[in-house]
Amino acid sequence: MSDKYLVFGATGAIGSSLAAQLKESSHDVHLIARNEDEVKVIAEELGCSFSVTDVLEEGFIEKVKTDTSEFNIKGVAYCVGSIDLKPLKRVTENDLNACMKL
């Protein structure tokens, strides 16, 4: 059974860059992202396997467990995130809760 690194948020700047660096260092990588079209392109470029799921959806971890059951997980990079740029005066409790959930 092979060992792979999981990269959540693999279509973002940080996640895709990290995945490329891991591959350049001869590591096996499994990409995880919510946009199938985007992750598929990156996976093909890097020669990686991938999963399509959204970390904000209920049960996303079960999908990841199923998709990664054929290999050992060597490490996890959680590169999921967003940036909510607005003045602090306009930040709401819902904004903060959504950031914390992510």
N, C-alpha and C. Protein backbone atom coordinates (compact mmCIF):
# COMPACT_ATOMS: atom_id res chain seq x y z
N MET A 1 0.85 -1.18 0.00
CA MET A 1 0.00 0.00 0.00
C MET A 1 0.89 1.24 0.00
N SER A 2 0.60 2.19 -0.89
CA SER A 2 1.43 3.38 -1.01
C SER A 2 1.06 4.43 0.04
N ASP A 3 1.93 5.39 0.23
CA ASP A 3 1.72 6.51 1.14
C ASP A 3 1.52 7.77 0.31
N LYS A 4 0.52 8.57 0.67
CA LYS A 4 0.27 9.81 -0.05
C LYS A 4 -0.02 10.94 0.93
N TYR A 5 0.31 12.13 0.48
CA TYR A 5 -0.07 13.34 1.20
C TYR A 5 -1.42 13.80 0.66
N LEU A 6 -2.32 14.22 1.54
CA LEU A 6 -3.59 14.81 1.14
C LEU A 6 -3.43 16.32 1.14
N VAL A 7 -3.90 16.95 0.08
CA VAL A 7 -3.89 18.41 0.02
C VAL A 7 -5.33 18.87 -0.17
N PHE A 8 -5.94 19.37 0.91
CA PHE A 8 -7.27 19.97 0.84
C PHE A 8 -7.11 21.39 0.29
N GLY A 9 -8.04 21.81 -0.55
CA GLY A 9 -7.94 23.14 -1.16
C GLY A 9 -6.91 23.17 -2.26
N ALA A 10 -6.84 22.08 -3.01
CA ALA A 10 -5.79 21.90 -4.00
C ALA A 10 -5.90 22.81 -5.21
N THR A 11 -7.01 23.49 -5.40
CA THR A 11 -7.13 24.38 -6.56
C THR A 11 -6.75 25.81 -6.24
N GLY A 12 -6.53 26.10 -4.98
CA GLY A 12 -6.11 27.45 -4.59
C GLY A 12 -4.62 27.64 -4.84
N ALA A 13 -4.17 28.86 -4.67
CA ALA A 13 -2.77 29.19 -4.91
C ALA A 13 -1.84 28.42 -3.98
N ILE A 14 -2.16 28.38 -2.71
CA ILE A 14 -1.29 27.70 -1.75
C ILE A 14 -1.36 26.19 -1.92
N GLY A 15 -2.57 25.65 -2.02
CA GLY A 15 -2.73 24.20 -2.16
C GLY A 15 -2.10 23.66 -3.42
N SER A 16 -2.30 24.32 -4.54
CA SER A 16 -1.73 23.83 -5.80
C SER A 16 -0.21 23.96 -5.80
N SER A 17 0.30 25.04 -5.22
CA SER A 17 1.75 25.23 -5.14
C SER A 17 2.38 24.17 -4.24
N LEU A 18 1.76 23.90 -3.11
CA LEU A 18 2.28 22.87 -2.20
C LEU A 18 2.26 21.50 -2.88
N ALA A 19 1.17 21.19 -3.57
CA ALA A 19 1.08 19.90 -4.27
C ALA A 19 2.21 19.78 -5.30
N ALA A 20 2.47 20.85 -6.04
CA ALA A 20 3.54 20.83 -7.03
C ALA A 20 4.90 20.62 -6.36
N GLN A 21 5.12 21.27 -5.24
CA GLN A 21 6.39 21.12 -4.53
C GLN A 21 6.56 19.70 -3.99
N LEU A 22 5.48 19.13 -3.48
CA LEU A 22 5.55 17.75 -3.00
C LEU A 22 5.89 16.79 -4.14
N LYS A 23 5.23 16.98 -5.29
CA LYS A 23 5.51 16.12 -6.45
C LYS A 23 6.95 16.30 -6.93
N GLU A 24 7.45 17.53 -6.93
CA GLU A 24 8.83 17.79 -7.34
C GLU A 24 9.82 17.09 -6.40
N SER A 25 9.38 16.87 -5.16
CA SER A 25 10.23 16.19 -4.17
C SER A 25 9.97 14.68 -4.16
N SER A 26 9.32 14.19 -5.20
CA SER A 26 9.06 12.75 -5.40
C SER A 26 8.08 12.15 -4.39
N HIS A 27 7.14 12.95 -3.91
CA HIS A 27 6.11 12.43 -3.01
C HIS A 27 4.83 12.17 -3.81
N ASP A 28 4.06 11.19 -3.37
CA ASP A 28 2.75 10.95 -3.96
C ASP A 28 1.73 11.84 -3.27
N VAL A 29 0.82 12.39 -4.06
CA VAL A 29 -0.13 13.38 -3.55
C VAL A 29 -1.54 13.03 -4.03
N HIS A 30 -2.51 13.24 -3.14
CA HIS A 30 -3.92 13.10 -3.48
C HIS A 30 -4.56 14.47 -3.26
N LEU A 31 -5.10 15.05 -4.31
CA LEU A 31 -5.69 16.38 -4.26
C LEU A 31 -7.15 16.31 -3.85
N ILE A 32 -7.59 17.29 -3.07
CA ILE A 32 -8.99 17.37 -2.67
C ILE A 32 -9.46 18.80 -2.88
N ALA A 33 -10.57 18.95 -3.63
CA ALA A 33 -11.11 20.27 -3.92
C ALA A 33 -12.60 20.13 -4.23
N ARG A 34 -13.29 21.24 -4.27
CA ARG A 34 -14.73 21.20 -4.54
C ARG A 34 -15.08 21.40 -6.00
N ASN A 35 -14.15 21.92 -6.80
CA ASN A 35 -14.42 22.18 -8.21
C ASN A 35 -13.75 21.09 -9.06
N GLU A 36 -14.57 20.20 -9.60
CA GLU A 36 -14.03 19.06 -10.35
C GLU A 36 -13.23 19.48 -11.57
N ASP A 37 -13.73 20.44 -12.33
CA ASP A 37 -13.02 20.85 -13.55
C ASP A 37 -11.62 21.37 -13.22
N GLU A 38 -11.52 22.18 -12.18
CA GLU A 38 -10.22 22.76 -11.82
C GLU A 38 -9.27 21.72 -11.24
N VAL A 39 -9.76 20.88 -10.34
CA VAL A 39 -8.86 19.90 -9.71
C VAL A 39 -8.41 18.85 -10.71
N LYS A 40 -9.26 18.54 -11.66
CA LYS A 40 -8.90 17.55 -12.68
C LYS A 40 -7.72 18.03 -13.52
N VAL A 41 -7.72 19.30 -13.88
CA VAL A 41 -6.62 19.87 -14.67
C VAL A 41 -5.32 19.81 -13.88
N ILE A 42 -5.35 20.21 -12.62
CA ILE A 42 -4.15 20.19 -11.79
C ILE A 42 -3.67 18.76 -11.57
N ALA A 43 -4.61 17.85 -11.33
CA ALA A 43 -4.25 16.44 -11.11
C ALA A 43 -3.58 15.86 -12.35
N GLU A 44 -4.07 16.19 -13.53
CA GLU A 44 -3.47 15.69 -14.77
C GLU A 44 -2.07 16.29 -14.97
N GLU A 45 -1.92 17.57 -14.68
CA GLU A 45 -0.61 18.23 -14.84
C GLU A 45 0.44 17.60 -13.91
N LEU A 46 0.02 17.29 -12.67
CA LEU A 46 0.96 16.79 -11.67
C LEU A 46 1.04 15.26 -11.61
N GLY A 47 0.08 14.59 -12.22
CA GLY A 47 0.04 13.13 -12.12
C GLY A 47 -0.43 12.65 -10.76
N CYS A 48 -1.48 13.29 -10.26
CA CYS A 48 -2.01 12.97 -8.93
C CYS A 48 -3.41 12.38 -9.02
N SER A 49 -3.79 11.65 -8.00
CA SER A 49 -5.18 11.25 -7.85
C SER A 49 -5.92 12.42 -7.18
N PHE A 50 -7.24 12.39 -7.21
CA PHE A 50 -7.99 13.49 -6.59
C PHE A 50 -9.38 13.05 -6.16
N SER A 51 -9.95 13.85 -5.27
CA SER A 51 -11.33 13.70 -4.81
C SER A 51 -12.02 15.04 -4.97
N VAL A 52 -13.31 14.98 -5.22
CA VAL A 52 -14.11 16.19 -5.31
C VAL A 52 -15.09 16.19 -4.15
N THR A 53 -14.94 17.17 -3.26
CA THR A 53 -15.85 17.32 -2.14
C THR A 53 -15.71 18.72 -1.57
N ASP A 54 -16.71 19.17 -0.86
CA ASP A 54 -16.72 20.49 -0.24
C ASP A 54 -16.66 20.29 1.27
N VAL A 55 -15.66 20.85 1.92
CA VAL A 55 -15.49 20.65 3.36
C VAL A 55 -16.62 21.25 4.18
N LEU A 56 -17.43 22.10 3.58
CA LEU A 56 -18.56 22.68 4.30
C LEU A 56 -19.83 21.83 4.21
N GLU A 57 -19.79 20.77 3.42
CA GLU A 57 -20.96 19.90 3.29
C GLU A 57 -20.93 18.80 4.34
N GLU A 58 -22.08 18.47 4.85
CA GLU A 58 -22.22 17.40 5.83
C GLU A 58 -21.71 16.09 5.23
N GLY A 59 -20.91 15.37 5.96
CA GLY A 59 -20.44 14.06 5.53
C GLY A 59 -19.28 14.08 4.56
N PHE A 60 -18.64 15.23 4.38
CA PHE A 60 -17.54 15.29 3.41
C PHE A 60 -16.42 14.33 3.78
N ILE A 61 -16.20 14.12 5.06
CA ILE A 61 -15.09 13.28 5.49
C ILE A 61 -15.30 11.82 5.09
N GLU A 62 -16.54 11.37 5.04
CA GLU A 62 -16.84 10.00 4.61
C GLU A 62 -16.43 9.80 3.16
N LYS A 63 -16.67 10.80 2.33
CA LYS A 63 -16.25 10.75 0.92
C LYS A 63 -14.74 10.64 0.84
N VAL A 64 -14.03 11.44 1.63
CA VAL A 64 -12.57 11.41 1.62
C VAL A 64 -12.07 10.06 2.10
N LYS A 65 -12.67 9.52 3.15
CA LYS A 65 -12.26 8.20 3.66
C LYS A 65 -12.42 7.12 2.60
N THR A 66 -13.53 7.16 1.89
CA THR A 66 -13.78 6.17 0.83
C THR A 66 -12.76 6.32 -0.30
N ASP A 67 -12.53 7.56 -0.72
CA ASP A 67 -11.61 7.81 -1.84
C ASP A 67 -10.15 7.52 -1.51
N THR A 68 -9.81 7.51 -0.24
CA THR A 68 -8.41 7.32 0.16
C THR A 68 -8.16 5.97 0.83
N SER A 69 -9.11 5.08 0.74
CA SER A 69 -8.99 3.79 1.44
C SER A 69 -7.94 2.86 0.82
N GLU A 70 -7.49 3.13 -0.39
CA GLU A 70 -6.54 2.27 -1.08
C GLU A 70 -5.08 2.62 -0.79
N PHE A 71 -4.84 3.65 0.02
CA PHE A 71 -3.47 4.02 0.35
C PHE A 71 -3.39 4.57 1.77
N ASN A 72 -2.17 4.61 2.29
CA ASN A 72 -1.92 5.19 3.61
C ASN A 72 -1.77 6.69 3.47
N ILE A 73 -2.24 7.41 4.47
CA ILE A 73 -2.11 8.86 4.47
C ILE A 73 -0.84 9.21 5.24
N LYS A 74 0.09 9.81 4.52
CA LYS A 74 1.38 10.16 5.10
C LYS A 74 1.32 11.52 5.80
N GLY A 75 0.48 12.41 5.30
CA GLY A 75 0.34 13.74 5.89
C GLY A 75 -0.85 14.46 5.29
N VAL A 76 -1.29 15.51 5.97
CA VAL A 76 -2.44 16.28 5.52
C VAL A 76 -2.09 17.76 5.53
N ALA A 77 -2.39 18.43 4.42
CA ALA A 77 -2.26 19.89 4.34
C ALA A 77 -3.65 20.46 4.13
N TYR A 78 -4.10 21.26 5.07
CA TYR A 78 -5.43 21.85 5.00
C TYR A 78 -5.29 23.28 4.50
N CYS A 79 -5.39 23.46 3.19
CA CYS A 79 -5.17 24.75 2.55
C CYS A 79 -6.48 25.40 2.13
N VAL A 80 -7.54 25.05 2.81
CA VAL A 80 -8.86 25.60 2.52
C VAL A 80 -8.98 26.93 3.25
N GLY A 81 -9.56 27.89 2.59
CA GLY A 81 -9.76 29.16 3.26
C GLY A 81 -10.37 30.18 2.32
N SER A 82 -10.69 31.29 2.90
CA SER A 82 -11.20 32.40 2.12
C SER A 82 -10.76 33.67 2.82
N ILE A 83 -10.93 34.75 2.15
CA ILE A 83 -10.59 36.03 2.76
C ILE A 83 -11.78 36.95 2.59
N ASP A 84 -12.24 37.47 3.69
CA ASP A 84 -13.40 38.35 3.70
C ASP A 84 -12.89 39.76 3.99
N LEU A 85 -12.67 40.51 2.94
CA LEU A 85 -12.11 41.84 3.10
C LEU A 85 -13.21 42.88 3.21
N LYS A 86 -13.35 43.41 4.41
CA LYS A 86 -14.26 44.52 4.64
C LYS A 86 -13.88 45.18 5.95
N PRO A 87 -14.30 46.41 6.13
CA PRO A 87 -13.98 47.09 7.38
C PRO A 87 -14.58 46.34 8.57
N LEU A 88 -13.85 46.36 9.68
CA LEU A 88 -14.31 45.65 10.88
C LEU A 88 -15.70 46.09 11.31
N LYS A 89 -16.04 47.34 11.08
CA LYS A 89 -17.37 47.86 11.44
C LYS A 89 -18.49 47.10 10.72
N ARG A 90 -18.18 46.55 9.54
CA ARG A 90 -19.21 45.86 8.75
C ARG A 90 -19.22 44.36 8.96
N VAL A 91 -18.30 43.83 9.72
CA VAL A 91 -18.26 42.39 9.98
C VAL A 91 -19.41 42.02 10.90
N THR A 92 -20.12 40.95 10.50
CA THR A 92 -21.26 40.49 11.30
C THR A 92 -20.90 39.20 12.04
N GLU A 93 -21.74 38.83 12.97
CA GLU A 93 -21.55 37.57 13.68
C GLU A 93 -21.61 36.39 12.71
N ASN A 94 -22.49 36.46 11.73
CA ASN A 94 -22.58 35.41 10.71
C ASN A 94 -21.28 35.30 9.91
N ASP A 95 -20.66 36.43 9.60
CA ASP A 95 -19.36 36.41 8.90
C ASP A 95 -18.33 35.66 9.72
N LEU A 96 -18.25 35.98 10.99
CA LEU A 96 -17.27 35.32 11.87
C LEU A 96 -17.58 33.83 12.02
N ASN A 97 -18.84 33.47 12.15
CA ASN A 97 -19.21 32.05 12.26
C ASN A 97 -18.85 31.29 10.99
N ALA A 98 -19.07 31.88 9.84
CA ALA A 98 -18.74 31.21 8.57
C ALA A 98 -17.22 31.00 8.46
N CYS A 99 -16.45 31.99 8.87
CA CYS A 99 -14.98 31.85 8.86
C CYS A 99 -14.53 30.73 9.81
N MET A 100 -15.12 30.69 10.98
CA MET A 100 -14.75 29.66 11.95
C MET A 100 -15.14 28.27 11.47
N LYS A 101 -16.30 28.17 10.82
CA LYS A 101 -16.73 26.87 10.32
C LYS A 101 -15.78 26.37 9.25
N LEU A 102 -15.34 27.26 8.39
CA LEU A 102 -14.41 26.88 7.33
C LEU A 102 -13.07 26.47 7.92
